[in-house]
N, C-alpha and C. Protein backbone atom coordinates (compact mmCIF):
# COMPACT_ATOMS: atom_id res chain seq x y z
N MET A 1 0.83 -1.20 0.00
CA MET A 1 0.00 0.00 0.00
C MET A 1 0.87 1.26 0.00
N LEU A 2 1.87 1.30 0.88
CA LEU A 2 2.77 2.45 0.94
C LEU A 2 3.38 2.71 -0.44
N ARG A 3 3.84 1.68 -1.07
CA ARG A 3 4.50 1.81 -2.36
C ARG A 3 3.55 2.37 -3.42
N ASP A 4 2.32 1.87 -3.48
CA ASP A 4 1.36 2.32 -4.48
C ASP A 4 1.01 3.80 -4.29
N VAL A 5 0.74 4.19 -3.05
CA VAL A 5 0.41 5.59 -2.76
C VAL A 5 1.61 6.47 -3.09
N LEU A 6 2.77 6.03 -2.69
CA LEU A 6 3.99 6.81 -2.92
C LEU A 6 4.27 6.98 -4.42
N LEU A 7 4.06 5.93 -5.20
CA LEU A 7 4.24 6.04 -6.65
C LEU A 7 3.36 7.13 -7.23
N ALA A 8 2.11 7.15 -6.84
CA ALA A 8 1.19 8.17 -7.34
C ALA A 8 1.60 9.56 -6.88
N GLN A 9 1.99 9.69 -5.60
CA GLN A 9 2.41 10.99 -5.07
C GLN A 9 3.64 11.51 -5.81
N ILE A 10 4.63 10.66 -5.97
CA ILE A 10 5.88 11.08 -6.60
C ILE A 10 5.64 11.49 -8.06
N LYS A 11 4.83 10.72 -8.76
CA LYS A 11 4.52 11.09 -10.15
C LYS A 11 3.89 12.47 -10.21
N ALA A 12 2.96 12.74 -9.30
CA ALA A 12 2.30 14.05 -9.28
C ALA A 12 3.26 15.14 -8.82
N ASP A 13 4.06 14.87 -7.81
CA ASP A 13 4.97 15.88 -7.26
C ASP A 13 6.13 16.20 -8.19
N GLU A 14 6.70 15.20 -8.80
CA GLU A 14 7.91 15.38 -9.60
C GLU A 14 7.62 15.70 -11.06
N GLY A 15 6.49 15.20 -11.57
CA GLY A 15 6.25 15.33 -12.99
C GLY A 15 7.20 14.42 -13.75
N LEU A 16 7.07 14.38 -15.04
CA LEU A 16 7.87 13.50 -15.87
C LEU A 16 8.59 14.30 -16.95
N SER A 17 9.89 14.07 -17.05
CA SER A 17 10.67 14.63 -18.14
C SER A 17 11.53 13.52 -18.72
N LEU A 18 11.26 13.17 -19.95
CA LEU A 18 12.05 12.14 -20.61
C LEU A 18 13.38 12.70 -21.12
N SER A 19 13.52 14.01 -21.04
CA SER A 19 14.78 14.67 -21.40
C SER A 19 15.49 15.11 -20.13
N ARG A 20 16.80 15.03 -20.16
CA ARG A 20 17.60 15.47 -19.01
C ARG A 20 17.37 16.97 -18.78
N TYR A 21 17.33 17.35 -17.52
CA TYR A 21 17.16 18.75 -17.15
C TYR A 21 18.00 19.05 -15.92
N VAL A 22 18.15 20.32 -15.64
CA VAL A 22 18.85 20.76 -14.43
C VAL A 22 17.79 21.21 -13.45
N ASP A 23 17.79 20.62 -12.24
CA ASP A 23 16.76 20.95 -11.26
C ASP A 23 17.03 22.30 -10.61
N SER A 24 16.17 22.70 -9.69
CA SER A 24 16.25 24.03 -9.07
C SER A 24 17.53 24.24 -8.26
N LEU A 25 18.20 23.16 -7.90
CA LEU A 25 19.46 23.29 -7.15
C LEU A 25 20.68 23.08 -8.05
N GLY A 26 20.45 22.95 -9.34
CA GLY A 26 21.55 22.83 -10.28
C GLY A 26 22.03 21.42 -10.58
N TYR A 27 21.25 20.40 -10.17
CA TYR A 27 21.63 19.01 -10.39
C TYR A 27 20.97 18.45 -11.65
N ARG A 28 21.70 17.60 -12.37
CA ARG A 28 21.12 16.91 -13.51
C ARG A 28 20.09 15.90 -13.02
N SER A 29 18.95 15.90 -13.67
CA SER A 29 17.87 14.96 -13.33
C SER A 29 17.20 14.51 -14.61
N ILE A 30 16.43 13.43 -14.48
CA ILE A 30 15.69 12.90 -15.62
C ILE A 30 14.53 12.06 -15.09
N GLY A 31 13.55 11.82 -15.92
CA GLY A 31 12.42 10.98 -15.51
C GLY A 31 11.57 11.67 -14.46
N TYR A 32 11.24 10.94 -13.41
CA TYR A 32 10.43 11.46 -12.31
C TYR A 32 11.35 12.00 -11.22
N GLY A 33 12.16 12.99 -11.56
CA GLY A 33 13.05 13.59 -10.58
C GLY A 33 14.23 12.72 -10.17
N HIS A 34 14.63 11.80 -11.04
CA HIS A 34 15.78 10.93 -10.72
C HIS A 34 17.06 11.74 -10.82
N LEU A 35 17.78 11.82 -9.72
CA LEU A 35 19.04 12.55 -9.67
C LEU A 35 20.11 11.76 -10.41
N LEU A 36 20.76 12.43 -11.35
CA LEU A 36 21.84 11.79 -12.11
C LEU A 36 23.17 12.17 -11.47
N SER A 37 23.89 11.18 -11.01
CA SER A 37 25.21 11.43 -10.44
C SER A 37 26.27 10.87 -11.40
N PRO A 38 27.51 11.38 -11.33
CA PRO A 38 28.54 10.95 -12.27
C PRO A 38 28.72 9.43 -12.39
N GLY A 39 28.49 8.67 -11.34
CA GLY A 39 28.63 7.22 -11.40
C GLY A 39 27.42 6.51 -11.99
N ASP A 40 26.35 7.23 -12.23
CA ASP A 40 25.09 6.67 -12.74
C ASP A 40 25.24 6.34 -14.23
N ALA A 41 24.79 5.16 -14.62
CA ALA A 41 24.86 4.74 -16.03
C ALA A 41 24.09 5.70 -16.94
N MET A 42 23.10 6.39 -16.39
CA MET A 42 22.27 7.31 -17.17
C MET A 42 22.87 8.72 -17.25
N TYR A 43 23.97 8.96 -16.57
CA TYR A 43 24.51 10.32 -16.40
C TYR A 43 24.68 11.08 -17.72
N THR A 44 25.14 10.42 -18.73
CA THR A 44 25.40 11.10 -20.00
C THR A 44 24.20 11.08 -20.95
N ARG A 45 23.16 10.38 -20.56
CA ARG A 45 21.98 10.29 -21.42
C ARG A 45 21.24 11.63 -21.45
N ARG A 46 20.76 11.98 -22.61
CA ARG A 46 19.97 13.21 -22.75
C ARG A 46 18.48 12.92 -22.80
N VAL A 47 18.14 11.71 -23.25
CA VAL A 47 16.73 11.32 -23.40
C VAL A 47 16.60 9.86 -22.97
N ILE A 48 15.46 9.55 -22.30
CA ILE A 48 15.16 8.17 -21.93
C ILE A 48 13.74 7.84 -22.39
N THR A 49 13.41 6.57 -22.36
CA THR A 49 12.06 6.13 -22.72
C THR A 49 11.17 6.18 -21.48
N LEU A 50 9.88 6.10 -21.71
CA LEU A 50 8.93 6.03 -20.61
C LEU A 50 9.20 4.80 -19.74
N GLU A 51 9.53 3.69 -20.37
CA GLU A 51 9.82 2.46 -19.62
C GLU A 51 11.05 2.65 -18.72
N GLU A 52 12.07 3.33 -19.24
CA GLU A 52 13.27 3.61 -18.42
C GLU A 52 12.93 4.54 -17.26
N ALA A 53 12.09 5.53 -17.51
CA ALA A 53 11.67 6.44 -16.44
C ALA A 53 10.92 5.68 -15.36
N GLN A 54 10.06 4.77 -15.76
CA GLN A 54 9.29 3.97 -14.80
C GLN A 54 10.21 3.08 -13.98
N ARG A 55 11.21 2.47 -14.63
CA ARG A 55 12.17 1.61 -13.92
C ARG A 55 12.98 2.41 -12.91
N LEU A 56 13.43 3.60 -13.32
CA LEU A 56 14.17 4.46 -12.39
C LEU A 56 13.29 4.84 -11.20
N LEU A 57 12.03 5.16 -11.47
CA LEU A 57 11.10 5.52 -10.41
C LEU A 57 10.94 4.37 -9.42
N GLU A 58 10.73 3.17 -9.94
CA GLU A 58 10.58 1.98 -9.07
C GLU A 58 11.82 1.78 -8.20
N GLU A 59 13.00 1.91 -8.81
CA GLU A 59 14.25 1.75 -8.06
C GLU A 59 14.40 2.84 -7.00
N ASP A 60 14.06 4.07 -7.36
CA ASP A 60 14.18 5.18 -6.42
C ASP A 60 13.18 5.06 -5.27
N ILE A 61 11.99 4.54 -5.55
CA ILE A 61 11.00 4.31 -4.50
C ILE A 61 11.54 3.26 -3.52
N THR A 62 12.12 2.20 -4.03
CA THR A 62 12.71 1.18 -3.17
C THR A 62 13.80 1.79 -2.29
N THR A 63 14.63 2.62 -2.87
CA THR A 63 15.71 3.27 -2.13
C THR A 63 15.17 4.19 -1.03
N CYS A 64 14.14 4.96 -1.33
CA CYS A 64 13.63 5.90 -0.32
C CYS A 64 12.90 5.18 0.81
N ILE A 65 12.21 4.10 0.51
CA ILE A 65 11.56 3.32 1.57
C ILE A 65 12.62 2.67 2.45
N ARG A 66 13.65 2.14 1.83
CA ARG A 66 14.77 1.55 2.58
C ARG A 66 15.41 2.60 3.49
N ALA A 67 15.55 3.82 3.01
CA ALA A 67 16.12 4.91 3.80
C ALA A 67 15.30 5.16 5.06
N CYS A 68 13.99 5.09 4.92
CA CYS A 68 13.12 5.31 6.08
C CYS A 68 13.33 4.24 7.14
N TYR A 69 13.50 3.00 6.72
CA TYR A 69 13.75 1.91 7.66
C TYR A 69 15.13 2.04 8.31
N ILE A 70 16.08 2.60 7.59
CA ILE A 70 17.41 2.83 8.17
C ILE A 70 17.33 3.94 9.22
N LEU A 71 16.60 4.99 8.92
CA LEU A 71 16.51 6.13 9.84
C LEU A 71 15.60 5.86 11.04
N TYR A 72 14.59 5.00 10.86
CA TYR A 72 13.61 4.73 11.90
C TYR A 72 13.42 3.22 12.06
N ASP A 73 13.94 2.67 13.12
CA ASP A 73 13.78 1.24 13.39
C ASP A 73 12.32 0.83 13.49
N ASP A 74 11.49 1.76 13.95
CA ASP A 74 10.07 1.47 14.17
C ASP A 74 9.17 2.10 13.10
N PHE A 75 9.70 2.26 11.91
CA PHE A 75 8.97 2.90 10.82
C PHE A 75 7.59 2.27 10.60
N ASP A 76 7.51 0.95 10.70
CA ASP A 76 6.22 0.25 10.51
C ASP A 76 5.17 0.64 11.54
N SER A 77 5.59 1.12 12.69
CA SER A 77 4.63 1.46 13.74
C SER A 77 4.04 2.87 13.57
N PHE A 78 4.57 3.65 12.64
CA PHE A 78 4.06 5.01 12.43
C PHE A 78 2.73 4.97 11.70
N PRO A 79 1.88 5.97 11.93
CA PRO A 79 0.65 6.07 11.14
C PRO A 79 1.00 6.13 9.64
N GLN A 80 0.10 5.64 8.81
CA GLN A 80 0.36 5.62 7.37
C GLN A 80 0.71 7.00 6.83
N LYS A 81 0.02 8.03 7.30
CA LYS A 81 0.32 9.38 6.83
C LYS A 81 1.77 9.75 7.08
N VAL A 82 2.28 9.39 8.24
CA VAL A 82 3.68 9.69 8.58
C VAL A 82 4.62 8.91 7.67
N GLN A 83 4.28 7.66 7.41
CA GLN A 83 5.11 6.86 6.50
C GLN A 83 5.16 7.49 5.12
N TYR A 84 4.00 7.94 4.60
CA TYR A 84 3.96 8.57 3.28
C TYR A 84 4.81 9.83 3.26
N VAL A 85 4.67 10.64 4.29
CA VAL A 85 5.41 11.91 4.36
C VAL A 85 6.91 11.64 4.38
N LEU A 86 7.35 10.76 5.25
CA LEU A 86 8.79 10.49 5.37
C LEU A 86 9.36 9.88 4.09
N ALA A 87 8.62 8.97 3.48
CA ALA A 87 9.10 8.35 2.24
C ALA A 87 9.15 9.38 1.11
N ASN A 88 8.16 10.26 1.04
CA ASN A 88 8.16 11.31 0.03
C ASN A 88 9.34 12.26 0.25
N MET A 89 9.59 12.62 1.50
CA MET A 89 10.74 13.47 1.80
C MET A 89 12.05 12.76 1.46
N ALA A 90 12.14 11.48 1.74
CA ALA A 90 13.35 10.72 1.42
C ALA A 90 13.57 10.69 -0.10
N TYR A 91 12.49 10.60 -0.86
CA TYR A 91 12.61 10.63 -2.32
C TYR A 91 13.18 11.97 -2.76
N ASN A 92 12.67 13.02 -2.18
CA ASN A 92 13.04 14.38 -2.56
C ASN A 92 14.44 14.77 -2.06
N LEU A 93 14.78 14.35 -0.85
CA LEU A 93 16.01 14.80 -0.19
C LEU A 93 17.12 13.76 -0.15
N GLY A 94 16.76 12.50 -0.31
CA GLY A 94 17.71 11.43 -0.08
C GLY A 94 17.80 11.13 1.41
N ARG A 95 18.39 9.99 1.74
CA ARG A 95 18.49 9.60 3.15
C ARG A 95 19.32 10.59 3.95
N ILE A 96 20.43 11.03 3.41
CA ILE A 96 21.29 11.95 4.15
C ILE A 96 20.58 13.27 4.37
N GLY A 97 19.92 13.78 3.34
CA GLY A 97 19.18 15.03 3.49
C GLY A 97 18.08 14.92 4.54
N LEU A 98 17.34 13.82 4.51
CA LEU A 98 16.28 13.62 5.50
C LEU A 98 16.85 13.48 6.90
N SER A 99 18.01 12.87 7.01
CA SER A 99 18.60 12.67 8.34
C SER A 99 19.01 13.98 9.01
N ARG A 100 19.11 15.04 8.25
CA ARG A 100 19.51 16.34 8.79
C ARG A 100 18.37 17.08 9.49
N PHE A 101 17.16 16.54 9.44
CA PHE A 101 16.01 17.13 10.13
C PHE A 101 16.00 16.64 11.58
N VAL A 102 16.99 17.04 12.33
CA VAL A 102 17.22 16.50 13.67
C VAL A 102 16.04 16.77 14.61
N ARG A 103 15.57 18.00 14.65
CA ARG A 103 14.45 18.33 15.56
C ARG A 103 13.15 17.65 15.11
N MET A 104 12.96 17.51 13.80
CA MET A 104 11.78 16.80 13.31
C MET A 104 11.87 15.33 13.74
N HIS A 105 13.06 14.74 13.64
CA HIS A 105 13.24 13.34 14.05
C HIS A 105 12.94 13.16 15.53
N ALA A 106 13.38 14.12 16.34
CA ALA A 106 13.10 14.04 17.78
C ALA A 106 11.60 14.07 18.03
N ALA A 107 10.89 14.93 17.31
CA ALA A 107 9.43 15.02 17.47
C ALA A 107 8.76 13.73 17.01
N ILE A 108 9.25 13.14 15.93
CA ILE A 108 8.67 11.90 15.43
C ILE A 108 8.91 10.77 16.44
N THR A 109 10.10 10.72 16.97
CA THR A 109 10.41 9.70 17.99
C THR A 109 9.48 9.84 19.19
N ALA A 110 9.12 11.07 19.52
CA ALA A 110 8.20 11.35 20.63
C ALA A 110 6.73 11.21 20.20
N ARG A 111 6.51 10.88 18.93
CA ARG A 111 5.15 10.75 18.36
C ARG A 111 4.37 12.07 18.46
N ASN A 112 5.10 13.17 18.35
CA ASN A 112 4.49 14.49 18.36
C ASN A 112 4.43 14.99 16.92
N TRP A 113 3.35 14.63 16.24
CA TRP A 113 3.22 14.92 14.82
C TRP A 113 3.10 16.41 14.55
N VAL A 114 2.42 17.14 15.44
CA VAL A 114 2.27 18.59 15.26
C VAL A 114 3.64 19.27 15.33
N LYS A 115 4.44 18.91 16.30
CA LYS A 115 5.80 19.47 16.42
C LYS A 115 6.65 19.07 15.22
N ALA A 116 6.53 17.85 14.76
CA ALA A 116 7.27 17.40 13.58
C ALA A 116 6.92 18.28 12.37
N ALA A 117 5.64 18.58 12.20
CA ALA A 117 5.20 19.44 11.11
C ALA A 117 5.76 20.85 11.26
N GLN A 118 5.79 21.35 12.49
CA GLN A 118 6.38 22.68 12.73
C GLN A 118 7.85 22.69 12.32
N GLU A 119 8.55 21.63 12.65
CA GLU A 119 9.97 21.55 12.30
C GLU A 119 10.16 21.45 10.78
N MET A 120 9.24 20.78 10.10
CA MET A 120 9.29 20.74 8.64
C MET A 120 9.14 22.14 8.08
N ARG A 121 8.19 22.89 8.62
CA ARG A 121 7.94 24.24 8.13
C ARG A 121 9.09 25.19 8.44
N ASP A 122 9.85 24.88 9.47
CA ASP A 122 10.98 25.71 9.88
C ASP A 122 12.27 25.19 9.25
N SER A 123 12.25 25.02 7.94
CA SER A 123 13.42 24.48 7.24
C SER A 123 13.60 25.17 5.90
N THR A 124 14.80 25.16 5.41
CA THR A 124 15.09 25.69 4.08
C THR A 124 14.33 24.88 3.03
N TRP A 125 14.30 23.55 3.22
CA TRP A 125 13.60 22.67 2.30
C TRP A 125 12.16 23.12 2.08
N TYR A 126 11.48 23.48 3.16
CA TYR A 126 10.08 23.88 3.08
C TYR A 126 9.90 25.06 2.12
N HIS A 127 10.80 26.01 2.22
CA HIS A 127 10.69 27.21 1.38
C HIS A 127 11.13 26.94 -0.06
N GLN A 128 11.96 25.96 -0.27
CA GLN A 128 12.39 25.60 -1.61
C GLN A 128 11.32 24.80 -2.35
N VAL A 129 10.61 23.95 -1.63
CA VAL A 129 9.70 23.00 -2.27
C VAL A 129 8.28 23.56 -2.43
N GLY A 130 7.88 24.48 -1.57
CA GLY A 130 6.60 25.14 -1.73
C GLY A 130 5.39 24.29 -1.41
N HIS A 131 4.45 24.19 -2.35
CA HIS A 131 3.15 23.53 -2.12
C HIS A 131 3.32 22.09 -1.65
N ARG A 132 4.24 21.36 -2.25
CA ARG A 132 4.48 19.97 -1.85
C ARG A 132 4.86 19.89 -0.38
N ALA A 133 5.75 20.78 0.06
CA ALA A 133 6.19 20.77 1.45
C ALA A 133 5.03 21.10 2.39
N GLU A 134 4.19 22.05 2.01
CA GLU A 134 3.05 22.39 2.87
C GLU A 134 2.07 21.23 2.94
N ARG A 135 1.81 20.58 1.81
CA ARG A 135 0.93 19.41 1.82
C ARG A 135 1.47 18.33 2.74
N LEU A 136 2.77 18.05 2.65
CA LEU A 136 3.38 17.03 3.49
C LEU A 136 3.35 17.44 4.97
N ALA A 137 3.61 18.71 5.25
CA ALA A 137 3.57 19.18 6.63
C ALA A 137 2.15 19.04 7.19
N HIS A 138 1.16 19.35 6.38
CA HIS A 138 -0.24 19.21 6.83
C HIS A 138 -0.56 17.74 7.10
N GLU A 139 -0.10 16.85 6.24
CA GLU A 139 -0.33 15.41 6.45
C GLU A 139 0.32 14.96 7.76
N MET A 140 1.54 15.43 8.00
CA MET A 140 2.23 15.08 9.25
C MET A 140 1.44 15.61 10.44
N GLU A 141 1.02 16.85 10.35
CA GLU A 141 0.32 17.52 11.45
C GLU A 141 -0.99 16.82 11.82
N THR A 142 -1.64 16.25 10.83
CA THR A 142 -2.94 15.62 11.07
C THR A 142 -2.85 14.09 11.19
N ALA A 143 -1.66 13.58 11.31
CA ALA A 143 -1.46 12.13 11.35
C ALA A 143 -2.13 11.48 12.55
N GLY A 144 -2.24 12.18 13.65
CA GLY A 144 -2.82 11.61 14.84
C GLY A 144 -4.33 11.73 14.93
N LEU A 145 -4.92 12.38 13.95
CA LEU A 145 -6.38 12.60 14.00
C LEU A 145 -7.16 11.46 13.37
């Protein structure tokens, strides 16, 4: 269930570009926001197929869910809304980027979803991402309801 919801969210949040582009932070990306790094086999590609974009998305979803389990031993015990939010953030930020939300992590560990949402809003990421970040913060904030 997490995977299916996340696939739909990421497709809507990231959009699709079959041509390589430079994202808002200056990084090469392709497909559904797949970050191209120099070691990536796709790094020099300028265009990919829809099937390749879908495969990259599936692989990236697996990576971001795995990141959540690495960061939170009890990830399965969180409300579904919290799982969706964290996995979406992991997709957008990567595991290392998500791990830098120290105060948000403390609030999550304490199961204080409202405080976790406040910490999300009090971040550079929130102001960079805009509507997506507010939607995710609202989902986090209402996770206990």
